[in-house]
Amino acid sequence: PAHARKGAARLKELGQPYFYFEDMTGGHSG
């Protein structure tokens, strides 16, 4: 999940709108 997390964090730093969601139960396929 680090890849998506870091992308969202970078967008937030830039003031860019985005949505982020992390499935906290599933594996690679969700």
Full PDB file with SEQRES, HELIX, SHEET, SSBOND, CRYST1, ORIGX, SCALE, CONECT and MASTER records, all heavy atoms in Angstrom:
SEQRES   1 A   30  PRO ALA HIS ALA ARG LYS GLY ALA ALA ARG LEU LYS GLU          
SEQRES   2 A   30  LEU GLY GLN PRO TYR PHE TYR PHE GLU ASP MET THR GLY          
SEQRES   3 A   30  GLY HIS SER GLY                                              
HELIX    1 AA1 ALA A    2  GLU A   13  1                                  12    
CRYST1    1.000    1.000    1.000  90.00  90.00  90.00 P 1           1          
ORIGX1      1.000000  0.000000  0.000000        0.00000                         
ORIGX2      0.000000  1.000000  0.000000        0.00000                         
ORIGX3      0.000000  0.000000  1.000000        0.00000                         
SCALE1      1.000000  0.000000  0.000000        0.00000                         
SCALE2      0.000000  1.000000  0.000000        0.00000                         
SCALE3      0.000000  0.000000  1.000000        0.00000                         
ATOM      1  N   PRO A   1       0.794  -1.233   0.000  1.00  0.00           N  
ATOM      2  CA  PRO A   1       0.000   0.000   0.000  1.00  0.00           C  
ATOM      3  C   PRO A   1       0.824   1.279   0.000  1.00  0.00           C  
ATOM      4  O   PRO A   1       0.280   2.369  -0.226  1.00  0.00           O  
ATOM      5  CB  PRO A   1      -0.828  -0.121   1.283  1.00  0.00           C  
ATOM      6  CG  PRO A   1      -0.030  -1.019   2.172  1.00  0.00           C  
ATOM      7  CD  PRO A   1       0.611  -2.011   1.249  1.00  0.00           C  
ATOM      8  N   ALA A   2       2.122   1.185   0.259  1.00  0.00           N  
ATOM      9  CA  ALA A   2       2.950   2.401   0.356  1.00  0.00           C  
ATOM     10  C   ALA A   2       2.887   3.247  -0.905  1.00  0.00           C  
ATOM     11  O   ALA A   2       2.906   4.479  -0.835  1.00  0.00           O  
ATOM     12  CB  ALA A   2       4.401   2.020   0.656  1.00  0.00           C  
ATOM     13  N   HIS A   3       2.831   2.610  -2.059  1.00  0.00           N  
ATOM     14  CA  HIS A   3       2.845   3.373  -3.316  1.00  0.00           C  
ATOM     15  C   HIS A   3       1.650   4.315  -3.403  1.00  0.00           C  
ATOM     16  O   HIS A   3       1.802   5.515  -3.688  1.00  0.00           O  
ATOM     17  CB  HIS A   3       2.847   2.407  -4.504  1.00  0.00           C  
ATOM     18  CG  HIS A   3       4.132   1.677  -4.686  1.00  0.00           C  
ATOM     19  ND1 HIS A   3       5.232   2.246  -5.291  1.00  0.00           N  
ATOM     20  CD2 HIS A   3       4.496   0.414  -4.353  1.00  0.00           C  
ATOM     21  CE1 HIS A   3       6.222   1.365  -5.336  1.00  0.00           C  
ATOM     22  NE2 HIS A   3       5.802   0.246  -4.756  1.00  0.00           N  
ATOM     23  N   ALA A   4       0.449   3.780  -3.172  1.00  0.00           N  
ATOM     24  CA  ALA A   4      -0.742   4.622  -3.243  1.00  0.00           C  
ATOM     25  C   ALA A   4      -0.749   5.652  -2.115  1.00  0.00           C  
ATOM     26  O   ALA A   4      -1.126   6.813  -2.316  1.00  0.00           O  
ATOM     27  CB  ALA A   4      -1.999   3.756  -3.183  1.00  0.00           C  
ATOM     28  N   ARG A   5      -0.350   5.243  -0.912  1.00  0.00           N  
ATOM     29  CA  ARG A   5      -0.311   6.171   0.221  1.00  0.00           C  
ATOM     30  C   ARG A   5       0.581   7.373  -0.089  1.00  0.00           C  
ATOM     31  O   ARG A   5       0.202   8.531   0.135  1.00  0.00           O  
ATOM     32  CB  ARG A   5       0.231   5.457   1.456  1.00  0.00           C  
ATOM     33  CG  ARG A   5      -0.650   4.389   2.052  1.00  0.00           C  
ATOM     34  CD  ARG A   5       0.099   3.664   3.180  1.00  0.00           C  
ATOM     35  NE  ARG A   5      -0.689   2.636   3.829  1.00  0.00           N  
ATOM     36  CZ  ARG A   5      -0.235   1.855   4.799  1.00  0.00           C  
ATOM     37  NH1 ARG A   5       1.013   2.008   5.244  1.00  0.00           N  
ATOM     38  NH2 ARG A   5      -1.010   0.935   5.345  1.00  0.00           N  
ATOM     39  N   LYS A   6       1.774   7.088  -0.585  1.00  0.00           N  
ATOM     40  CA  LYS A   6       2.731   8.173  -0.835  1.00  0.00           C  
ATOM     41  C   LYS A   6       2.254   9.079  -1.966  1.00  0.00           C  
ATOM     42  O   LYS A   6       2.466  10.301  -1.927  1.00  0.00           O  
ATOM     43  CB  LYS A   6       4.105   7.583  -1.136  1.00  0.00           C  
ATOM     44  CG  LYS A   6       4.753   6.920   0.084  1.00  0.00           C  
ATOM     45  CD  LYS A   6       6.001   6.135  -0.263  1.00  0.00           C  
ATOM     46  CE  LYS A   6       7.121   7.014  -0.748  1.00  0.00           C  
ATOM     47  NZ  LYS A   6       8.372   6.256  -0.975  1.00  0.00           N  
ATOM     48  N   GLY A   7       1.584   8.491  -2.969  1.00  0.00           N  
ATOM     49  CA  GLY A   7       1.027   9.321  -4.026  1.00  0.00           C  
ATOM     50  C   GLY A   7      -0.002  10.295  -3.484  1.00  0.00           C  
ATOM     51  O   GLY A   7      -0.006  11.485  -3.833  1.00  0.00           O  
ATOM     52  N   ALA A   8      -0.892   9.795  -2.607  1.00  0.00           N  
ATOM     53  CA  ALA A   8      -1.906  10.665  -2.011  1.00  0.00           C  
ATOM     54  C   ALA A   8      -1.268  11.737  -1.131  1.00  0.00           C  
ATOM     55  O   ALA A   8      -1.670  12.912  -1.157  1.00  0.00           O  
ATOM     56  CB  ALA A   8      -2.892   9.826  -1.209  1.00  0.00           C  
ATOM     57  N   ALA A   9      -0.272  11.341  -0.342  1.00  0.00           N  
ATOM     58  CA  ALA A   9       0.388  12.311   0.536  1.00  0.00           C  
ATOM     59  C   ALA A   9       1.077  13.410  -0.270  1.00  0.00           C  
ATOM     60  O   ALA A   9       1.045  14.590   0.112  1.00  0.00           O  
ATOM     61  CB  ALA A   9       1.400  11.592   1.426  1.00  0.00           C  
ATOM     62  N   ARG A  10       1.684  13.039  -1.371  1.00  0.00           N  
ATOM     63  CA  ARG A  10       2.348  14.025  -2.225  1.00  0.00           C  
ATOM     64  C   ARG A  10       1.324  14.977  -2.856  1.00  0.00           C  
ATOM     65  O   ARG A  10       1.543  16.194  -2.914  1.00  0.00           O  
ATOM     66  CB  ARG A  10       3.150  13.303  -3.312  1.00  0.00           C  
ATOM     67  CG  ARG A  10       3.817  14.220  -4.330  1.00  0.00           C  
ATOM     68  CD  ARG A  10       4.857  15.115  -3.711  1.00  0.00           C  
ATOM     69  NE  ARG A  10       5.570  15.890  -4.738  1.00  0.00           N  
ATOM     70  CZ  ARG A  10       6.156  17.058  -4.522  1.00  0.00           C  
ATOM     71  NH1 ARG A  10       6.137  17.596  -3.305  1.00  0.00           N  
ATOM     72  NH2 ARG A  10       6.771  17.687  -5.494  1.00  0.00           N  
ATOM     73  N   LEU A  11       0.192  14.436  -3.305  1.00  0.00           N  
ATOM     74  CA  LEU A  11      -0.848  15.296  -3.868  1.00  0.00           C  
ATOM     75  C   LEU A  11      -1.368  16.278  -2.818  1.00  0.00           C  
ATOM     76  O   LEU A  11      -1.613  17.459  -3.113  1.00  0.00           O  
ATOM     77  CB  LEU A  11      -1.992  14.437  -4.405  1.00  0.00           C  
ATOM     78  CG  LEU A  11      -1.703  13.693  -5.717  1.00  0.00           C  
ATOM     79  CD1 LEU A  11      -2.717  12.580  -5.933  1.00  0.00           C  
ATOM     80  CD2 LEU A  11      -1.706  14.660  -6.903  1.00  0.00           C  
ATOM     81  N   LYS A  12      -1.525  15.793  -1.593  1.00  0.00           N  
ATOM     82  CA  LYS A  12      -2.001  16.678  -0.528  1.00  0.00           C  
ATOM     83  C   LYS A  12      -0.996  17.797  -0.263  1.00  0.00           C  
ATOM     84  O   LYS A  12      -1.383  18.962  -0.074  1.00  0.00           O  
ATOM     85  CB  LYS A  12      -2.241  15.870   0.743  1.00  0.00           C  
ATOM     86  CG  LYS A  12      -2.879  16.673   1.864  1.00  0.00           C  
ATOM     87  CD  LYS A  12      -3.341  15.767   2.993  1.00  0.00           C  
ATOM     88  CE  LYS A  12      -4.163  16.535   4.010  1.00  0.00           C  
ATOM     89  NZ  LYS A  12      -4.739  15.642   5.046  1.00  0.00           N  
ATOM     90  N   GLU A  13       0.274  17.442  -0.263  1.00  0.00           N  
ATOM     91  CA  GLU A  13       1.331  18.448  -0.071  1.00  0.00           C  
ATOM     92  C   GLU A  13       1.255  19.527  -1.142  1.00  0.00           C  
ATOM     93  O   GLU A  13       1.485  20.716  -0.869  1.00  0.00           O  
ATOM     94  CB  GLU A  13       2.688  17.752  -0.114  1.00  0.00           C  
ATOM     95  CG  GLU A  13       3.880  18.697  -0.024  1.00  0.00           C  
ATOM     96  CD  GLU A  13       5.197  17.980  -0.327  1.00  0.00           C  
ATOM     97  OE1 GLU A  13       5.273  16.746  -0.132  1.00  0.00           O  
ATOM     98  OE2 GLU A  13       6.148  18.662  -0.779  1.00  0.00           O  
ATOM     99  N   LEU A  14       0.919  19.122  -2.371  1.00  0.00           N  
ATOM    100  CA  LEU A  14       0.845  20.067  -3.488  1.00  0.00           C  
ATOM    101  C   LEU A  14      -0.466  20.840  -3.525  1.00  0.00           C  
ATOM    102  O   LEU A  14      -0.648  21.716  -4.379  1.00  0.00           O  
ATOM    103  CB  LEU A  14       1.021  19.311  -4.817  1.00  0.00           C  
ATOM    104  CG  LEU A  14       2.377  18.643  -5.048  1.00  0.00           C  
ATOM    105  CD1 LEU A  14       2.334  17.773  -6.296  1.00  0.00           C  
ATOM    106  CD2 LEU A  14       3.478  19.695  -5.169  1.00  0.00           C  
ATOM    107  N   GLY A  15      -1.392  20.491  -2.619  1.00  0.00           N  
ATOM    108  CA  GLY A  15      -2.685  21.158  -2.632  1.00  0.00           C  
ATOM    109  C   GLY A  15      -3.594  20.687  -3.747  1.00  0.00           C  
ATOM    110  O   GLY A  15      -4.544  21.390  -4.123  1.00  0.00           O  
ATOM    111  N   GLN A  16      -3.319  19.494  -4.264  1.00  0.00           N  
ATOM    112  CA  GLN A  16      -4.113  18.945  -5.360  1.00  0.00           C  
ATOM    113  C   GLN A  16      -5.263  18.110  -4.803  1.00  0.00           C  
ATOM    114  O   GLN A  16      -5.081  17.333  -3.866  1.00  0.00           O  
ATOM    115  CB  GLN A  16      -3.240  18.043  -6.240  1.00  0.00           C  
ATOM    116  CG  GLN A  16      -2.190  18.783  -7.040  1.00  0.00           C  
ATOM    117  CD  GLN A  16      -2.771  19.420  -8.308  1.00  0.00           C  
ATOM    118  OE1 GLN A  16      -3.873  19.092  -8.731  1.00  0.00           O  
ATOM    119  NE2 GLN A  16      -2.018  20.327  -8.892  1.00  0.00           N  
ATOM    120  N   PRO A  17      -6.460  18.219  -5.374  1.00  0.00           N  
ATOM    121  CA  PRO A  17      -7.570  17.379  -4.915  1.00  0.00           C  
ATOM    122  C   PRO A  17      -7.345  15.920  -5.292  1.00  0.00           C  
ATOM    123  O   PRO A  17      -6.776  15.607  -6.339  1.00  0.00           O  
ATOM    124  CB  PRO A  17      -8.781  17.962  -5.638  1.00  0.00           C  
ATOM    125  CG  PRO A  17      -8.219  18.635  -6.848  1.00  0.00           C  
ATOM    126  CD  PRO A  17      -6.865  19.144  -6.449  1.00  0.00           C  
ATOM    127  N   TYR A  18      -7.785  15.022  -4.428  1.00  0.00           N  
ATOM    128  CA  TYR A  18      -7.647  13.585  -4.667  1.00  0.00           C  
ATOM    129  C   TYR A  18      -8.595  12.859  -3.725  1.00  0.00           C  
ATOM    130  O   TYR A  18      -9.130  13.439  -2.769  1.00  0.00           O  
ATOM    131  CB  TYR A  18      -6.206  13.116  -4.389  1.00  0.00           C  
ATOM    132  CG  TYR A  18      -5.837  13.192  -2.925  1.00  0.00           C  
ATOM    133  CD1 TYR A  18      -6.011  12.095  -2.078  1.00  0.00           C  
ATOM    134  CD2 TYR A  18      -5.357  14.379  -2.370  1.00  0.00           C  
ATOM    135  CE1 TYR A  18      -5.717  12.185  -0.717  1.00  0.00           C  
ATOM    136  CE2 TYR A  18      -5.061  14.481  -1.019  1.00  0.00           C  
ATOM    137  CZ  TYR A  18      -5.245  13.375  -0.202  1.00  0.00           C  
ATOM    138  OH  TYR A  18      -4.971  13.459   1.140  1.00  0.00           O  
ATOM    139  N   PHE A  19      -8.800  11.578  -3.968  1.00  0.00           N  
ATOM    140  CA  PHE A  19      -9.479  10.681  -3.035  1.00  0.00           C  
ATOM    141  C   PHE A  19      -8.547   9.512  -2.741  1.00  0.00           C  
ATOM    142  O   PHE A  19      -7.831   9.033  -3.629  1.00  0.00           O  
ATOM    143  CB  PHE A  19     -10.784  10.142  -3.631  1.00  0.00           C  
ATOM    144  CG  PHE A  19     -11.830  11.194  -3.862  1.00  0.00           C  
ATOM    145  CD1 PHE A  19     -12.041  11.715  -5.130  1.00  0.00           C  
ATOM    146  CD2 PHE A  19     -12.596  11.667  -2.810  1.00  0.00           C  
ATOM    147  CE1 PHE A  19     -13.007  12.685  -5.348  1.00  0.00           C  
ATOM    148  CE2 PHE A  19     -13.564  12.634  -3.016  1.00  0.00           C  
ATOM    149  CZ  PHE A  19     -13.773  13.153  -4.293  1.00  0.00           C  
ATOM    150  N   TYR A  20      -8.584   9.056  -1.494  1.00  0.00           N  
ATOM    151  CA  TYR A  20      -7.792   7.877  -1.124  1.00  0.00           C  
ATOM    152  C   TYR A  20      -8.655   6.945  -0.290  1.00  0.00           C  
ATOM    153  O   TYR A  20      -9.390   7.383   0.598  1.00  0.00           O  
ATOM    154  CB  TYR A  20      -6.551   8.263  -0.310  1.00  0.00           C  
ATOM    155  CG  TYR A  20      -5.697   7.048   0.030  1.00  0.00           C  
ATOM    156  CD1 TYR A  20      -4.756   6.583  -0.873  1.00  0.00           C  
ATOM    157  CD2 TYR A  20      -5.879   6.347   1.218  1.00  0.00           C  
ATOM    158  CE1 TYR A  20      -3.995   5.452  -0.600  1.00  0.00           C  
ATOM    159  CE2 TYR A  20      -5.129   5.212   1.504  1.00  0.00           C  
ATOM    160  CZ  TYR A  20      -4.197   4.766   0.587  1.00  0.00           C  
ATOM    161  OH  TYR A  20      -3.458   3.642   0.853  1.00  0.00           O  
ATOM    162  N   PHE A  21      -8.543   5.638  -0.602  1.00  0.00           N  
ATOM    163  CA  PHE A  21      -9.211   4.636   0.225  1.00  0.00           C  
ATOM    164  C   PHE A  21      -8.306   3.420   0.332  1.00  0.00           C  
ATOM    165  O   PHE A  21      -7.676   3.008  -0.650  1.00  0.00           O  
ATOM    166  CB  PHE A  21     -10.555   4.219  -0.376  1.00  0.00           C  
ATOM    167  CG  PHE A  21     -11.278   3.197   0.474  1.00  0.00           C  
ATOM    168  CD1 PHE A  21     -11.917   3.578   1.641  1.00  0.00           C  
ATOM    169  CD2 PHE A  21     -11.284   1.857   0.119  1.00  0.00           C  
ATOM    170  CE1 PHE A  21     -12.567   2.651   2.443  1.00  0.00           C  
ATOM    171  CE2 PHE A  21     -11.928   0.915   0.911  1.00  0.00           C  
ATOM    172  CZ  PHE A  21     -12.575   1.315   2.078  1.00  0.00           C  
ATOM    173  N   GLU A  22      -8.250   2.851   1.535  1.00  0.00           N  
ATOM    174  CA  GLU A  22      -7.461   1.642   1.747  1.00  0.00           C  
ATOM    175  C   GLU A  22      -8.339   0.560   2.370  1.00  0.00           C  
ATOM    176  O   GLU A  22      -8.910   0.753   3.448  1.00  0.00           O  
ATOM    177  CB  GLU A  22      -6.264   1.926   2.654  1.00  0.00           C  
ATOM    178  CG  GLU A  22      -5.296   0.755   2.748  1.00  0.00           C  
ATOM    179  CD  GLU A  22      -3.948   1.169   3.339  1.00  0.00           C  
ATOM    180  OE1 GLU A  22      -3.401   2.217   2.908  1.00  0.00           O  
ATOM    181  OE2 GLU A  22      -3.457   0.453   4.230  1.00  0.00           O  
ATOM    182  N   ASP A  23      -8.463  -0.541   1.647  1.00  0.00           N  
ATOM    183  CA  ASP A  23      -9.158  -1.711   2.172  1.00  0.00           C  
ATOM    184  C   ASP A  23      -8.264  -2.322   3.248  1.00  0.00           C  
ATOM    185  O   ASP A  23      -7.157  -2.778   2.953  1.00  0.00           O  
ATOM    186  CB  ASP A  23      -9.413  -2.693   1.029  1.00  0.00           C  
ATOM    187  CG  ASP A  23     -10.023  -3.991   1.501  1.00  0.00           C  
ATOM    188  OD1 ASP A  23     -10.456  -4.052   2.661  1.00  0.00           O  
ATOM    189  OD2 ASP A  23     -10.059  -4.943   0.708  1.00  0.00           O  
ATOM    190  N   MET A  24      -8.726  -2.350   4.471  1.00  0.00           N  
ATOM    191  CA  MET A  24      -7.890  -2.795   5.581  1.00  0.00           C  
ATOM    192  C   MET A  24      -8.057  -4.284   5.877  1.00  0.00           C  
ATOM    193  O   MET A  24      -7.573  -4.776   6.891  1.00  0.00           O  
ATOM    194  CB  MET A  24      -8.168  -1.947   6.819  1.00  0.00           C  
ATOM    195  CG  MET A  24      -7.901  -0.461   6.576  1.00  0.00           C  
ATOM    196  SD  MET A  24      -8.102   0.605   8.012  1.00  0.00           S  
ATOM    197  CE  MET A  24      -6.607   0.224   8.916  1.00  0.00           C  
ATOM    198  N   THR A  25      -8.743  -5.020   4.961  1.00  0.00           N  
ATOM    199  CA  THR A  25      -8.939  -6.453   5.172  1.00  0.00           C  
ATOM    200  C   THR A  25      -8.402  -7.307   4.038  1.00  0.00           C  
ATOM    201  O   THR A  25      -8.003  -8.441   4.250  1.00  0.00           O  
ATOM    202  CB  THR A  25     -10.433  -6.769   5.351  1.00  0.00           C  
ATOM    203  OG1 THR A  25     -11.148  -6.367   4.171  1.00  0.00           O  
ATOM    204  CG2 THR A  25     -10.996  -6.046   6.556  1.00  0.00           C  
ATOM    205  N   GLY A  26      -8.415  -6.820   2.794  1.00  0.00           N  
ATOM    206  CA  GLY A  26      -8.091  -7.663   1.644  1.00  0.00           C  
ATOM    207  C   GLY A  26      -6.620  -7.666   1.304  1.00  0.00           C  
ATOM    208  O   GLY A  26      -5.817  -6.937   1.869  1.00  0.00           O  
ATOM    209  N   GLY A  27      -6.244  -8.512   0.343  1.00  0.00           N  
ATOM    210  CA  GLY A  27      -4.871  -8.613  -0.132  1.00  0.00           C  
ATOM    211  C   GLY A  27      -4.672  -7.821  -1.406  1.00  0.00           C  
ATOM    212  O   GLY A  27      -5.280  -6.767  -1.612  1.00  0.00           O  
ATOM    213  N   HIS A  28      -3.841  -8.360  -2.319  1.00  0.00           N  
ATOM    214  CA  HIS A  28      -3.468  -7.623  -3.525  1.00  0.00           C  
ATOM    215  C   HIS A  28      -4.675  -7.276  -4.385  1.00  0.00           C  
ATOM    216  O   HIS A  28      -4.689  -6.240  -5.047  1.00  0.00           O  
ATOM    217  CB  HIS A  28      -2.463  -8.444  -4.333  1.00  0.00           C  
ATOM    218  CG  HIS A  28      -1.986  -7.764  -5.580  1.00  0.00           C  
ATOM    219  ND1 HIS A  28      -1.271  -6.590  -5.566  1.00  0.00           N  
ATOM    220  CD2 HIS A  28      -2.140  -8.092  -6.889  1.00  0.00           C  
ATOM    221  CE1 HIS A  28      -0.988  -6.230  -6.808  1.00  0.00           C  
ATOM    222  NE2 HIS A  28      -1.510  -7.117  -7.627  1.00  0.00           N  
ATOM    223  N   SER A  29      -5.695  -8.109  -4.396  1.00  0.00           N  
ATOM    224  CA  SER A  29      -6.853  -7.871  -5.261  1.00  0.00           C  
ATOM    225  C   SER A  29      -7.992  -7.151  -4.556  1.00  0.00           C  
ATOM    226  O   SER A  29      -9.061  -6.974  -5.135  1.00  0.00           O  
ATOM    227  CB  SER A  29      -7.367  -9.204  -5.822  1.00  0.00           C  
ATOM    228  OG  SER A  29      -6.367  -9.822  -6.596  1.00  0.00           O  
ATOM    229  N   GLY A  30      -7.791  -6.733  -3.337  1.00  0.00           N  
ATOM    230  CA  GLY A  30      -8.841  -6.007  -2.640  1.00  0.00           C  
ATOM    231  C   GLY A  30      -9.645  -6.902  -1.722  1.00  0.00           C  
ATOM    232  O   GLY A  30      -9.145  -7.878  -1.180  1.00  0.00           O  
TER     233      GLY A  30                                                      
MASTER        0    0    0    1    0    0    0    6  232    1    0    3          
END                                                                             
